[in-house]
Protein backbone atom coordinates (compact mmCIF):
# COMPACT_ATOMS: atom_id res chain seq x y z
CA UNK A 1 82.20 109.49 32.84
CA UNK A 2 80.12 111.90 30.74
CA UNK A 3 76.90 113.46 32.02
CA UNK A 4 74.87 111.24 29.68
CA UNK A 5 76.73 108.17 30.90
CA UNK A 6 76.09 109.17 34.49
CA UNK A 7 72.36 109.55 33.80
CA UNK A 8 72.18 106.14 32.12
CA UNK A 9 74.12 104.47 34.92
CA UNK A 10 71.94 106.17 37.53
CA UNK A 11 68.75 105.05 35.77
CA UNK A 12 70.10 101.49 35.53
CA UNK A 13 70.96 101.47 39.24
CA UNK A 14 67.48 102.78 40.03
CA UNK A 15 65.87 100.10 37.88
CA UNK A 16 67.92 97.40 39.58
CA UNK A 17 66.91 98.67 43.01
CA UNK A 18 63.24 98.87 42.03
CA UNK A 19 63.26 95.29 40.70
CA UNK A 20 65.26 93.78 43.55
CA UNK A 21 62.23 92.57 45.49
CA UNK A 22 60.03 91.66 42.50
CA UNK A 23 59.73 87.93 41.64
CA UNK A 24 61.35 86.82 38.39
CA UNK A 25 59.10 87.33 35.37
CA UNK A 26 56.89 89.89 37.09
CA UNK A 27 56.90 93.32 35.42
CA UNK A 28 54.13 94.99 37.41
CA UNK A 29 54.19 94.03 41.12
CA UNK A 30 50.91 93.33 42.91
CA UNK A 31 50.82 96.68 44.72
CA UNK A 32 51.04 98.53 41.38
CA UNK A 33 48.17 96.50 39.94
CA UNK A 34 45.93 96.84 43.01
CA UNK A 35 46.44 100.60 43.35
CA UNK A 36 46.02 101.03 39.58
CA UNK A 37 42.61 99.37 39.49
CA UNK A 38 41.45 101.13 42.66
CA UNK A 39 42.43 104.41 41.01
CA UNK A 40 40.45 103.43 37.92
CA UNK A 41 37.33 102.86 40.04
CA UNK A 42 37.82 106.08 42.02
CA UNK A 43 38.42 108.25 38.96
CA UNK A 44 35.46 106.86 37.01
CA UNK A 45 33.11 107.38 39.96
CA UNK A 46 34.47 110.90 40.48
CA UNK A 47 34.00 111.83 36.83
CA UNK A 48 30.47 110.43 36.44
CA UNK A 49 29.22 111.81 39.76
CA UNK A 50 31.04 115.08 39.07
CA UNK A 51 29.10 115.49 35.84
CA UNK A 52 25.86 115.21 37.80
CA UNK A 53 27.09 117.81 40.30
CA UNK A 54 28.14 120.07 37.43
CA UNK A 55 24.64 119.85 35.94
CA UNK A 56 23.19 121.32 39.13
CA UNK A 57 25.22 124.51 38.61
CA UNK A 58 26.87 124.48 35.19
CA UNK A 59 29.91 126.63 34.48
CA UNK A 60 29.45 126.67 30.72
CA UNK A 61 26.42 126.70 28.44
CA UNK A 62 25.94 122.94 28.32
CA UNK A 63 25.01 120.02 30.57
CA UNK A 64 26.02 116.38 30.53
CA UNK A 65 23.25 113.92 29.56
CA UNK A 66 21.80 112.50 32.77
CA UNK A 67 22.02 108.84 31.62
CA UNK A 68 25.84 109.04 31.62
CA UNK A 69 26.03 110.62 35.09
CA UNK A 70 26.07 108.94 38.49
CA UNK A 71 24.01 109.69 41.59
CA UNK A 72 20.49 110.21 40.28
CA UNK A 73 20.21 113.62 41.95
CA UNK A 74 22.55 116.21 43.46
CA UNK A 75 22.59 114.71 46.98
CA UNK A 76 23.24 111.22 45.67
CA UNK A 77 25.97 112.45 43.35
CA UNK A 78 27.69 114.25 46.22
CA UNK A 79 27.69 111.06 48.31
CA UNK A 80 29.31 109.09 45.48
CA UNK A 81 31.77 111.94 44.84
CA UNK A 82 32.96 112.21 48.44
CA UNK A 83 33.30 108.44 48.82
CA UNK A 84 35.43 108.22 45.67
CA UNK A 85 37.41 111.29 46.74
CA UNK A 86 38.65 109.54 49.89
CA UNK A 87 39.44 106.38 47.94
CA UNK A 88 41.47 108.36 45.41
CA UNK A 89 43.30 110.40 48.06
CA UNK A 90 44.29 107.45 50.27
CA UNK A 91 45.04 105.07 47.40
CA UNK A 92 46.92 107.77 45.52
CA UNK A 93 49.14 108.51 48.52
CA UNK A 94 49.90 104.80 48.89
CA UNK A 95 50.72 104.54 45.18
CA UNK A 96 53.05 107.55 45.20
CA UNK A 97 54.63 106.55 48.50
CA UNK A 98 55.45 103.03 47.32
CA UNK A 99 56.72 104.31 43.97
CA UNK A 100 59.13 106.64 45.74
CA UNK A 101 60.12 104.17 48.49
CA UNK A 102 60.91 101.34 46.04
CA UNK A 103 62.71 103.57 43.56
CA UNK A 104 60.20 102.68 40.86
CA UNK A 105 59.26 106.31 40.17
CA UNK A 106 62.83 107.21 39.29
CA UNK A 107 63.57 103.97 37.46
CA UNK A 108 60.45 104.04 35.28
CA UNK A 109 60.17 107.77 34.52
CA UNK A 110 63.74 109.05 34.42
CA UNK A 111 65.46 110.30 32.34
CA UNK A 112 62.86 112.24 30.35
CA UNK A 113 63.59 115.15 28.02
CA UNK A 114 61.51 117.14 25.49
CA UNK A 115 63.70 115.74 22.70
CA UNK A 116 62.92 112.17 23.77
CA UNK A 117 59.19 112.93 23.93
CA UNK A 118 59.21 114.52 20.46
CA UNK A 119 61.22 111.67 18.97
CA UNK A 120 58.96 108.95 20.38
CA UNK A 121 55.84 110.92 19.44
CA UNK A 122 56.97 111.14 15.82
CA UNK A 123 57.80 107.43 15.88
CA UNK A 124 54.37 106.62 17.35
CA UNK A 125 52.49 108.71 14.78
CA UNK A 126 54.44 107.05 11.97
CA UNK A 127 53.84 103.55 13.35
CA UNK A 128 57.52 102.92 14.12
CA UNK A 129 57.34 102.88 17.93
CA UNK A 130 57.80 99.35 19.22
CA UNK A 131 56.13 97.78 22.26
CA UNK A 132 58.16 94.59 22.58
CA UNK A 133 59.66 95.36 25.99
CA UNK A 134 56.80 96.17 28.36
CA UNK A 135 59.18 96.54 31.30
CA UNK A 136 60.24 99.96 30.00
CA UNK A 137 58.07 102.99 29.21
CA UNK A 138 58.79 105.05 26.12
CA UNK A 139 59.07 108.83 26.51
CA UNK A 140 55.46 109.45 25.42
CA UNK A 141 54.19 107.00 28.05
CA UNK A 142 56.36 108.60 30.72
CA UNK A 143 55.07 112.07 29.88
CA UNK A 144 51.44 110.88 29.73
CA UNK A 145 51.58 109.04 33.07
CA UNK A 146 53.37 111.88 34.83
CA UNK A 147 50.84 114.28 33.34
CA UNK A 148 47.98 112.11 34.62
CA UNK A 149 49.49 112.11 38.12
CA UNK A 150 49.79 115.91 37.98
CA UNK A 151 46.16 116.21 36.85
CA UNK A 152 45.01 113.95 39.71
CA UNK A 153 46.86 116.15 42.20
CA UNK A 154 45.27 119.24 40.64
CA UNK A 155 41.83 117.64 40.78
CA UNK A 156 42.24 116.90 44.49
CA UNK A 157 43.58 120.37 45.36
CA UNK A 158 40.97 122.27 43.35
CA UNK A 159 38.29 119.93 44.73
CA UNK A 160 39.31 120.83 48.28
CA UNK A 161 38.78 124.50 47.46
CA UNK A 162 35.35 123.83 45.97
CA UNK A 163 34.39 121.61 48.92
CA UNK A 164 35.94 123.54 51.83
CA UNK A 165 36.68 127.00 50.47
CA UNK A 166 36.72 128.72 53.87
CA UNK A 167 39.00 126.11 55.45
CA UNK A 168 41.64 126.43 52.70
CA UNK A 169 42.04 130.20 52.14
CA UNK A 170 45.63 130.07 50.85
CA UNK A 171 44.82 127.28 48.42
CA UNK A 172 41.72 129.20 47.35
CA UNK A 173 43.81 132.28 46.57
CA UNK A 174 46.36 130.20 44.65
CA UNK A 175 43.47 128.91 42.53
CA UNK A 176 42.29 132.46 41.86
CA UNK A 177 39.20 132.27 44.08
CA UNK A 178 36.29 129.87 44.46
CA UNK A 179 34.79 130.41 41.01
CA UNK A 180 38.14 129.99 39.29
CA UNK A 181 38.82 126.84 41.33
CA UNK A 182 35.66 125.34 39.80
CA UNK A 183 37.04 126.11 36.33
CA UNK A 184 40.42 124.57 37.24
CA UNK A 185 38.61 121.52 38.62
CA UNK A 186 36.60 121.17 35.41
CA UNK A 187 39.57 121.40 33.06
CA UNK A 188 41.66 119.03 35.18
CA UNK A 189 38.76 116.57 34.90
CA UNK A 190 38.62 117.15 31.13
CA UNK A 191 42.35 116.43 30.90
CA UNK A 192 41.85 113.15 32.77
CA UNK A 193 39.01 112.17 30.45
CA UNK A 194 41.28 112.83 27.46
CA UNK A 195 44.03 110.74 29.05
CA UNK A 196 41.59 107.88 29.71
CA UNK A 197 40.34 107.90 26.10
CA UNK A 198 43.88 107.82 24.68
CA UNK A 199 44.93 105.22 27.25
CA UNK A 200 42.03 102.90 26.34
CA UNK A 201 42.78 103.30 22.63
CA UNK A 202 46.43 102.38 23.22
CA UNK A 203 45.42 99.34 25.29
CA UNK A 204 43.15 98.26 22.43
CA UNK A 205 46.07 98.60 20.00
CA UNK A 206 48.47 96.76 22.33
CA UNK A 207 46.18 94.31 24.21
CA UNK A 208 49.04 92.52 25.99
CA UNK A 209 49.38 95.60 28.21
CA UNK A 210 45.96 94.78 29.71
CA UNK A 211 47.10 91.25 30.53
CA UNK A 212 50.20 92.77 32.09
CA UNK A 213 48.18 95.02 34.39
CA UNK A 214 45.97 92.09 35.43
CA UNK A 215 48.53 89.30 35.85
CA UNK A 216 51.69 91.37 36.30
CA UNK A 217 53.63 89.44 33.65
C-alpha cells in the first residue's frame, strides 16, 4: 500500500473508531456540544473582562470603550476574568481529553497538509467549496480549529505568567519576561477575536452548522 493509501486508511479507521459509540444520525455528540458552548461562554467573558483589565494599564496607545467591557471596574473585571479562566481551563482539558480518548481529534483533523489548506482556501474564496457533508471538516476548517486551540493554550500559558509571574519563572522566561508575556497575551486574544468574527460569519453563511452544534444532527 502506498503512503497516501496508508494515510487514508488510517484516517478512515480513526473515523470509524470515533463514531463507534455515537448514535446513528448524530454528527456532534453531546459532550462536544456541551464543551463547545461552555468554551464560548468562557472565552467571551475572558475577552470582555480582559479589555477592562487592559484599560487599567494599556500596552498600546488606545483603550477599549468601557460599554463593551465587562466588570465595571478593575476589581470586578478581575473577578470575572479569574472565574472564566478556571472554566476555560477545566472545560478545555475535558474537551481535549475526550477528543484524544475517543479518537475524534485524529479522525476529524488528520490528514492536513499546506497543499490541502491552500486548495480549499482558493475554493472557498471562489465560492466552490461545498458544505454538504457536515460530518467532515475541510482543510481550512481543520487549520482554523487547530489554530484556535493553539491560541487558547497560548492565552492560558501567557495568562499564568501575567497572573503568577514569580511562581512560573521558566514559563516567564520562555515568554520573554513579564512585559512581553502581556504582549503575547494580547495578541493571542486578538487572534481569538479574529477567529470568532470569521467563525460567526461562516455560521451566518451556512446556518445549518448552528443547528448541528445545538442538536448534534
